[in-house]
Amino acid sequence: MGFFDIFKKKEQPKAVQSEAEVQQEAAREEQKQEELNAGLERTKTGLFSKLARAVAGRSTVDMDVLDDLEEVLITSDVGVETTVKIIERIEKRVARDKYMNTSELNSILREEIVELMDEAHSTEGNFGLDAKEGEPYVVMVVGVNGAGKTTTIGKLAAQLKKAGKRVWIGAADTFRAAAIDQLQVWADRAGATMIRQEMGSDPASVAFDTLQSAKANGADVVLIDTAGRLHNKIGLMNELTKIRNVMGKVIPDAPHEVMLVLDGSTGQNAFEQAKQFTQATQVTSLAITKLDGTAKGGVVIGISDQFHIPVRYIGIGEGVDQLRIFDRREFINALFGDAKN
């Protein structure tokens, strides 16, 4: 069982869709794209207003334009390393084509970003480990406090329940009573089963109890919350390693996925968080939250490229359905418009 299989209900024979049903499905897809467009509006406006200023009064793409484009991308939170890659790719195209009009720059930039994101997600079909049929699919969720970790778990649980899955949640962030209580509210709202202990309990013990209960009761998916402290990298590493080892004793190969939740509105701080957590544990997927209301959505491009960890979800609003499975093509369309590649 792979990652996306956990969202699927058992396949039923497909009925022939009526014209009205086809139109309704098309309308739903259009609405989804419009929501994504709205969620990324500030990022798009910020990026392209800077880009327009960079090429104002210029007709060809030369080194001065590229220097200004480099500044545009860095100040849009794409990140230095990823920006350098993009600029080098465009430089090669300029050298090859000899003459390149500034009016082409948007489409060229789009093409290079699409290619980078395709490369970063090239292993997405094989990330983590595949769960065995009849055993719960275990996701350990990590990230700093305030990144939206608890909310992401709650929304994910609600979506999985809607897809007909039996969901268990383990409240292994035992250092904050508020985290446990907030998670309980989300679990109740989603109709998921939550396993909790007293504040200050051993997080690994909570994870162990959760997996035992999930396995005994035929759960489909287990979501394990963890503490989001970064004050001591060694302590964090030891704690996450202990939780992983304990879970593996109950369900071999668990966790099947380690999902890092990052706050997209923090821009460059999200890069540092990703660096810390990828050093502390084997992160296999990313959820980037709070992209609505910020102009720092370029961080999705940079983090995806630099860490070569697939982005699984993006958060573009408060609603449960606004935690969206990440589609990089839809994301690029929202930034650059709906023109096809």
Protein backbone atom coordinates (compact mmCIF):
# COMPACT_ATOMS: atom_id res chain seq x y z
CA MET A 1 0.00 0.00 0.00
CA GLY A 2 1.54 3.28 -1.10
CA PHE A 3 0.93 6.79 0.16
CA PHE A 4 -1.93 7.84 -2.09
CA ASP A 5 -3.67 4.50 -1.65
CA ILE A 6 -4.60 5.51 1.88
CA PHE A 7 -6.94 8.10 0.40
CA LYS A 8 -8.71 5.70 -1.90
CA LYS A 9 -11.93 3.91 -1.12
CA LYS A 10 -12.25 0.37 -2.47
CA GLU A 11 -12.67 0.58 -6.19
CA GLN A 12 -16.23 0.19 -7.41
CA PRO A 13 -17.15 -0.44 -11.04
CA LYS A 14 -17.23 2.98 -12.67
CA ALA A 15 -20.61 4.02 -14.01
CA VAL A 16 -20.79 5.98 -17.22
CA GLN A 17 -20.92 9.67 -16.26
CA SER A 18 -23.76 11.80 -17.50
CA GLU A 19 -23.03 15.12 -19.15
CA ALA A 20 -24.26 16.88 -16.01
CA GLU A 21 -21.85 14.85 -13.82
CA VAL A 22 -18.96 15.63 -16.15
CA GLN A 23 -19.79 19.33 -15.93
CA GLN A 24 -20.04 19.15 -12.13
CA GLU A 25 -16.63 17.48 -11.90
CA ALA A 26 -15.12 20.11 -14.21
CA ALA A 27 -16.66 22.85 -12.06
CA ARG A 28 -15.15 21.31 -8.90
CA GLU A 29 -11.71 21.18 -10.50
CA GLU A 30 -12.06 24.79 -11.61
CA GLN A 31 -13.07 25.81 -8.09
CA LYS A 32 -10.04 24.00 -6.64
CA GLN A 33 -7.72 25.87 -8.99
CA GLU A 34 -9.42 29.18 -8.15
CA GLU A 35 -8.92 28.52 -4.41
CA LEU A 36 -5.26 27.78 -5.03
CA ASN A 37 -4.94 30.92 -7.15
CA ALA A 38 -6.45 32.96 -4.31
CA GLY A 39 -4.22 31.31 -1.71
CA LEU A 40 -1.08 32.17 -3.65
CA GLU A 41 -2.20 35.61 -4.83
CA ARG A 42 0.19 37.57 -2.59
CA THR A 43 3.15 35.45 -3.64
CA LYS A 44 2.24 35.86 -7.31
CA THR A 45 1.71 39.61 -6.99
CA GLY A 46 4.99 40.08 -5.12
CA LEU A 47 7.02 37.99 -7.56
CA PHE A 48 5.68 39.54 -10.75
CA SER A 49 5.64 43.12 -9.55
CA LYS A 50 9.36 42.71 -8.77
CA LEU A 51 9.93 41.02 -12.11
CA ALA A 52 8.16 43.82 -13.98
CA ARG A 53 10.39 46.40 -12.30
CA ALA A 54 13.49 44.34 -13.14
CA VAL A 55 12.79 44.38 -16.89
CA ALA A 56 11.20 47.83 -17.17
CA GLY A 57 12.65 49.72 -20.14
CA ARG A 58 14.74 46.76 -21.31
CA SER A 59 14.17 44.76 -24.47
CA THR A 60 16.66 41.88 -24.21
CA VAL A 61 17.76 39.51 -21.49
CA ASP A 62 21.36 40.46 -20.68
CA MET A 63 23.60 40.12 -17.64
CA ASP A 64 22.06 43.19 -15.99
CA VAL A 65 18.58 41.69 -16.32
CA LEU A 66 19.83 38.37 -14.96
CA ASP A 67 21.44 40.13 -12.00
CA ASP A 68 18.14 41.82 -11.24
CA LEU A 69 16.25 38.53 -11.72
CA GLU A 70 18.59 36.90 -9.22
CA GLU A 71 17.68 39.55 -6.66
CA VAL A 72 13.96 39.10 -7.44
CA LEU A 73 14.10 35.35 -6.77
CA ILE A 74 16.16 35.64 -3.59
CA THR A 75 13.85 38.32 -2.15
CA SER A 76 10.87 36.10 -3.08
CA ASP A 77 12.25 33.41 -0.72
CA VAL A 78 13.19 30.97 -3.46
CA GLY A 79 16.55 30.58 -1.71
CA VAL A 80 20.11 31.36 -2.80
CA GLU A 81 21.13 27.89 -4.02
CA THR A 82 17.97 27.36 -6.05
CA THR A 83 18.16 30.88 -7.45
CA VAL A 84 21.73 30.27 -8.65
CA LYS A 85 20.57 27.09 -10.42
CA ILE A 86 17.76 28.92 -12.17
CA ILE A 87 20.00 31.81 -13.25
CA GLU A 88 22.66 29.41 -14.59
CA ARG A 89 20.03 27.56 -16.64
CA ILE A 90 18.72 30.81 -18.12
CA GLU A 91 22.28 31.99 -18.84
CA LYS A 92 22.84 28.82 -20.91
CA ARG A 93 19.67 29.49 -22.87
CA VAL A 94 20.68 33.10 -23.50
CA ALA A 95 24.13 31.97 -24.70
CA ARG A 96 22.57 29.34 -26.96
CA ASP A 97 19.80 31.53 -28.43
CA LYS A 98 22.00 34.67 -28.65
CA TYR A 99 18.96 36.97 -28.49
CA MET A 100 16.18 36.64 -25.98
CA ASN A 101 13.38 39.18 -25.56
CA THR A 102 12.43 40.24 -22.02
CA SER A 103 8.81 39.47 -22.90
CA GLU A 104 9.84 35.79 -22.97
CA LEU A 105 11.28 35.88 -19.48
CA ASN A 106 8.09 34.82 -17.66
CA SER A 107 7.62 31.70 -19.76
CA ILE A 108 11.34 30.85 -19.57
CA LEU A 109 11.33 31.24 -15.79
CA ARG A 110 8.24 29.08 -15.58
CA GLU A 111 9.82 26.32 -17.68
CA GLU A 112 12.98 26.24 -15.57
CA ILE A 113 11.04 26.12 -12.28
CA VAL A 114 8.82 23.32 -13.61
CA GLU A 115 11.92 21.34 -14.58
CA LEU A 116 13.55 21.87 -11.18
CA MET A 117 10.42 20.75 -9.34
CA ASP A 118 10.05 17.71 -11.60
CA GLU A 119 13.62 16.71 -10.73
CA ALA A 120 13.00 17.24 -7.00
CA HIS A 121 9.90 15.02 -7.10
CA SER A 122 11.39 12.34 -9.33
CA THR A 123 11.39 9.79 -6.49
CA GLU A 124 7.90 10.55 -5.23
CA GLY A 125 6.57 7.16 -6.29
CA ASN A 126 9.04 5.38 -4.00
CA PHE A 127 9.39 7.58 -0.94
CA GLY A 128 9.50 5.99 2.48
CA LEU A 129 8.41 2.38 2.82
CA ASP A 130 5.26 0.67 1.61
CA ALA A 131 2.95 -0.63 4.31
CA LYS A 132 1.68 -4.20 4.13
CA GLU A 133 -1.97 -4.91 3.55
CA GLY A 134 -3.73 -5.49 6.85
CA GLU A 135 -1.30 -3.34 8.83
CA PRO A 136 -1.74 0.34 9.70
CA TYR A 137 0.12 2.90 7.60
CA VAL A 138 2.14 4.90 10.14
CA VAL A 139 3.01 8.56 9.69
CA MET A 140 5.27 10.32 12.20
CA VAL A 141 4.69 14.08 12.02
CA VAL A 142 7.55 16.42 13.02
CA GLY A 143 8.08 20.18 13.02
CA VAL A 144 8.60 23.16 15.29
CA ASN A 145 5.84 24.44 17.55
CA GLY A 146 3.67 26.94 15.72
CA ALA A 147 4.31 25.53 12.23
CA GLY A 148 0.78 24.14 12.05
CA LYS A 149 1.66 20.56 12.96
CA THR A 150 -1.39 19.83 15.13
CA THR A 151 -3.77 21.49 12.67
CA THR A 152 -2.24 19.54 9.78
CA ILE A 153 -2.72 16.26 11.65
CA GLY A 154 -6.33 17.18 12.40
CA LYS A 155 -7.14 18.14 8.82
CA LEU A 156 -5.40 15.05 7.47
CA ALA A 157 -7.34 12.84 9.89
CA ALA A 158 -10.61 14.43 8.77
CA GLN A 159 -9.79 13.86 5.10
CA LEU A 160 -8.81 10.25 5.72
CA LYS A 161 -12.00 9.58 7.69
CA LYS A 162 -13.99 11.11 4.83
CA ALA A 163 -12.23 8.64 2.52
CA GLY A 164 -13.52 5.82 4.73
CA LYS A 165 -10.32 5.09 6.67
CA ARG A 166 -10.02 4.09 10.34
CA VAL A 167 -7.64 6.65 11.84
CA TRP A 168 -5.67 6.56 15.11
CA ILE A 169 -3.81 9.60 16.46
CA GLY A 170 -1.00 9.41 18.99
CA ALA A 171 -0.47 12.52 21.15
CA ALA A 172 3.29 12.07 21.61
CA ASP A 173 3.95 15.79 22.12
CA THR A 174 3.66 15.32 25.86
CA PHE A 175 5.55 18.49 26.80
CA ARG A 176 2.63 20.85 26.15
CA ALA A 177 -0.78 20.18 27.66
CA ALA A 178 -2.28 22.60 25.14
CA ALA A 179 -0.97 20.45 22.28
CA ILE A 180 -2.67 17.34 23.67
CA ASP A 181 -5.96 19.14 24.28
CA GLN A 182 -5.92 20.78 20.84
CA LEU A 183 -5.23 17.43 19.20
CA GLN A 184 -8.12 15.88 21.13
CA VAL A 185 -10.48 18.53 19.75
CA TRP A 186 -9.35 17.76 16.21
CA ALA A 187 -9.62 13.99 16.79
CA ASP A 188 -13.16 14.33 18.13
CA ARG A 189 -14.14 16.56 15.24
CA ALA A 190 -12.69 14.12 12.69
CA GLY A 191 -14.07 11.02 14.37
CA ALA A 192 -10.59 9.59 14.87
CA THR A 193 -9.40 7.56 17.87
CA MET A 194 -6.77 9.34 19.95
CA ILE A 195 -4.35 7.73 22.38
CA ARG A 196 -2.97 10.06 25.03
CA GLN A 197 -1.17 9.97 28.38
CA GLU A 198 -0.51 12.56 31.04
CA MET A 199 1.59 15.61 30.27
CA GLY A 200 5.27 14.83 30.76
CA SER A 201 4.88 11.14 29.86
CA ASP A 202 7.49 9.41 27.73
CA PRO A 203 6.63 10.25 24.06
CA ALA A 204 7.89 6.84 22.91
CA SER A 205 5.49 5.18 25.33
CA VAL A 206 2.56 7.06 23.78
CA ALA A 207 3.68 6.01 20.29
CA PHE A 208 4.00 2.38 21.45
CA ASP A 209 0.51 2.35 22.98
CA THR A 210 -0.98 4.03 19.90
CA LEU A 211 0.45 1.47 17.49
CA GLN A 212 -0.56 -1.45 19.70
CA SER A 213 -4.13 -0.15 19.87
CA ALA A 214 -4.21 0.64 16.16
CA LYS A 215 -2.93 -2.81 15.22
CA ALA A 216 -5.32 -4.60 17.56
CA ASN A 217 -8.34 -2.67 16.29
CA GLY A 218 -7.66 -2.82 12.57
CA ALA A 219 -6.73 0.82 11.98
CA ASP A 220 -5.83 1.89 8.46
CA VAL A 221 -3.69 4.91 9.28
CA VAL A 222 -1.81 6.11 12.38
CA LEU A 223 -0.71 9.73 12.77
CA ILE A 224 1.87 10.33 15.52
CA ASP A 225 2.38 13.88 16.76
CA THR A 226 5.81 14.74 18.20
CA ALA A 227 7.28 17.61 20.21
CA GLY A 228 8.49 20.59 18.19
CA ARG A 229 11.44 21.75 20.22
CA LEU A 230 14.63 22.80 18.48
CA HIS A 231 16.55 24.03 21.52
CA ASN A 232 18.86 21.02 21.48
CA LYS A 233 19.54 19.23 18.20
CA ILE A 234 21.11 16.22 19.91
CA GLY A 235 18.15 15.89 22.28
CA LEU A 236 15.71 16.14 19.38
CA MET A 237 17.60 13.53 17.39
CA ASN A 238 17.70 11.11 20.33
CA GLU A 239 13.99 11.57 21.06
CA LEU A 240 12.86 11.04 17.47
CA THR A 241 15.17 8.03 17.09
CA LYS A 242 13.73 6.48 20.25
CA ILE A 243 10.16 6.99 19.01
CA ARG A 244 11.03 5.39 15.66
CA ASN A 245 12.72 2.42 17.29
CA VAL A 246 9.81 1.77 19.64
CA MET A 247 7.27 1.92 16.81
CA GLY A 248 9.31 -0.57 14.80
CA LYS A 249 8.91 -3.11 17.60
CA VAL A 250 5.13 -3.05 17.18
CA ILE A 251 4.91 -2.72 13.39
CA PRO A 252 8.08 -3.63 11.47
CA ASP A 253 9.26 -0.83 9.14
CA ALA A 254 7.15 1.79 10.98
CA PRO A 255 7.04 4.68 10.57
CA HIS A 256 6.31 4.30 6.87
CA GLU A 257 6.53 8.05 6.47
CA VAL A 258 8.10 10.95 8.37
CA MET A 259 6.31 14.16 7.45
CA LEU A 260 7.93 17.49 8.26
CA VAL A 261 5.48 20.38 8.67
CA LEU A 262 6.92 23.81 7.80
CA ASP A 263 5.35 27.25 8.14
CA GLY A 264 5.63 28.78 4.66
CA SER A 265 5.07 32.29 5.99
CA THR A 266 8.44 32.19 7.80
CA GLY A 267 10.34 32.25 4.50
CA GLN A 268 14.03 31.59 5.04
CA ASN A 269 13.45 30.28 8.58
CA ALA A 270 11.65 27.34 6.98
CA PHE A 271 14.90 26.39 5.22
CA GLU A 272 16.71 26.28 8.57
CA GLN A 273 13.93 24.19 10.13
CA ALA A 274 14.12 21.75 7.22
CA LYS A 275 17.89 21.53 7.67
CA GLN A 276 17.60 20.84 11.40
CA PHE A 277 14.95 18.15 11.08
CA THR A 278 16.49 16.38 8.10
CA GLN A 279 19.67 16.09 10.17
CA ALA A 280 17.70 14.79 13.16
CA THR A 281 15.64 12.14 11.38
CA GLN A 282 14.93 10.66 7.96
CA VAL A 283 12.25 13.01 6.64
CA THR A 284 10.42 11.51 3.64
CA SER A 285 7.78 14.15 2.89
CA LEU A 286 6.90 17.80 3.52
CA ALA A 287 3.73 19.72 4.34
CA ILE A 288 4.09 23.48 3.88
CA THR A 289 1.39 25.45 5.68
CA LYS A 290 0.09 29.03 5.89
CA LEU A 291 0.79 29.96 2.27
CA ASP A 292 -2.37 32.04 2.10
CA GLY A 293 -1.83 35.59 3.29
CA THR A 294 1.93 35.57 2.69
CA ALA A 295 4.14 36.67 -0.19
CA LYS A 296 6.71 33.98 0.69
CA GLY A 297 5.27 31.06 -1.31
CA GLY A 298 8.53 30.89 -3.28
CA VAL A 299 9.84 28.89 -0.34
CA VAL A 300 8.00 25.85 -1.76
CA ILE A 301 10.23 25.96 -4.86
CA GLY A 302 13.47 26.35 -2.93
CA ILE A 303 12.82 23.74 -0.25
CA SER A 304 11.56 21.24 -2.81
CA ASP A 305 14.73 21.72 -4.87
CA GLN A 306 17.34 21.90 -2.12
CA PHE A 307 16.22 18.99 0.03
CA HIS A 308 14.86 16.74 -2.73
CA ILE A 309 12.04 15.72 -0.42
CA PRO A 310 8.60 15.59 -2.06
CA VAL A 311 6.09 18.21 -0.94
CA ARG A 312 2.95 16.23 -0.10
CA TYR A 313 0.65 18.98 1.16
CA ILE A 314 0.27 22.72 1.12
CA GLY A 315 -2.01 24.72 3.40
CA ILE A 316 -3.86 27.58 1.70
CA GLY A 317 -6.54 28.38 4.29
CA GLU A 318 -8.27 27.44 7.52
CA GLY A 319 -10.76 24.96 6.05
CA VAL A 320 -10.20 21.20 6.30
CA ASP A 321 -10.19 20.89 2.49
CA GLN A 322 -7.66 23.72 2.22
CA LEU A 323 -4.93 21.33 3.26
CA ARG A 324 -4.33 20.23 -0.30
CA ILE A 325 -2.41 17.33 -1.80
CA PHE A 326 0.36 19.20 -3.59
CA ASP A 327 0.23 19.19 -7.37
CA ARG A 328 3.29 21.01 -8.67
CA ARG A 329 1.67 21.73 -12.04
CA GLU A 330 -1.35 23.33 -10.36
CA PHE A 331 1.04 25.28 -8.13
CA ILE A 332 3.01 26.62 -11.11
CA ASN A 333 -0.24 27.46 -12.93
CA ALA A 334 -1.37 29.46 -9.89
CA LEU A 335 1.90 31.43 -9.90
CA PHE A 336 2.30 31.97 -13.62
CA GLY A 337 -1.23 31.71 -14.98
CA ASP A 338 -3.07 28.89 -16.68
CA ALA A 339 -1.09 28.73 -19.92
CA LYS A 340 -0.15 25.14 -20.75
CA ASN A 341 3.45 24.01 -20.99
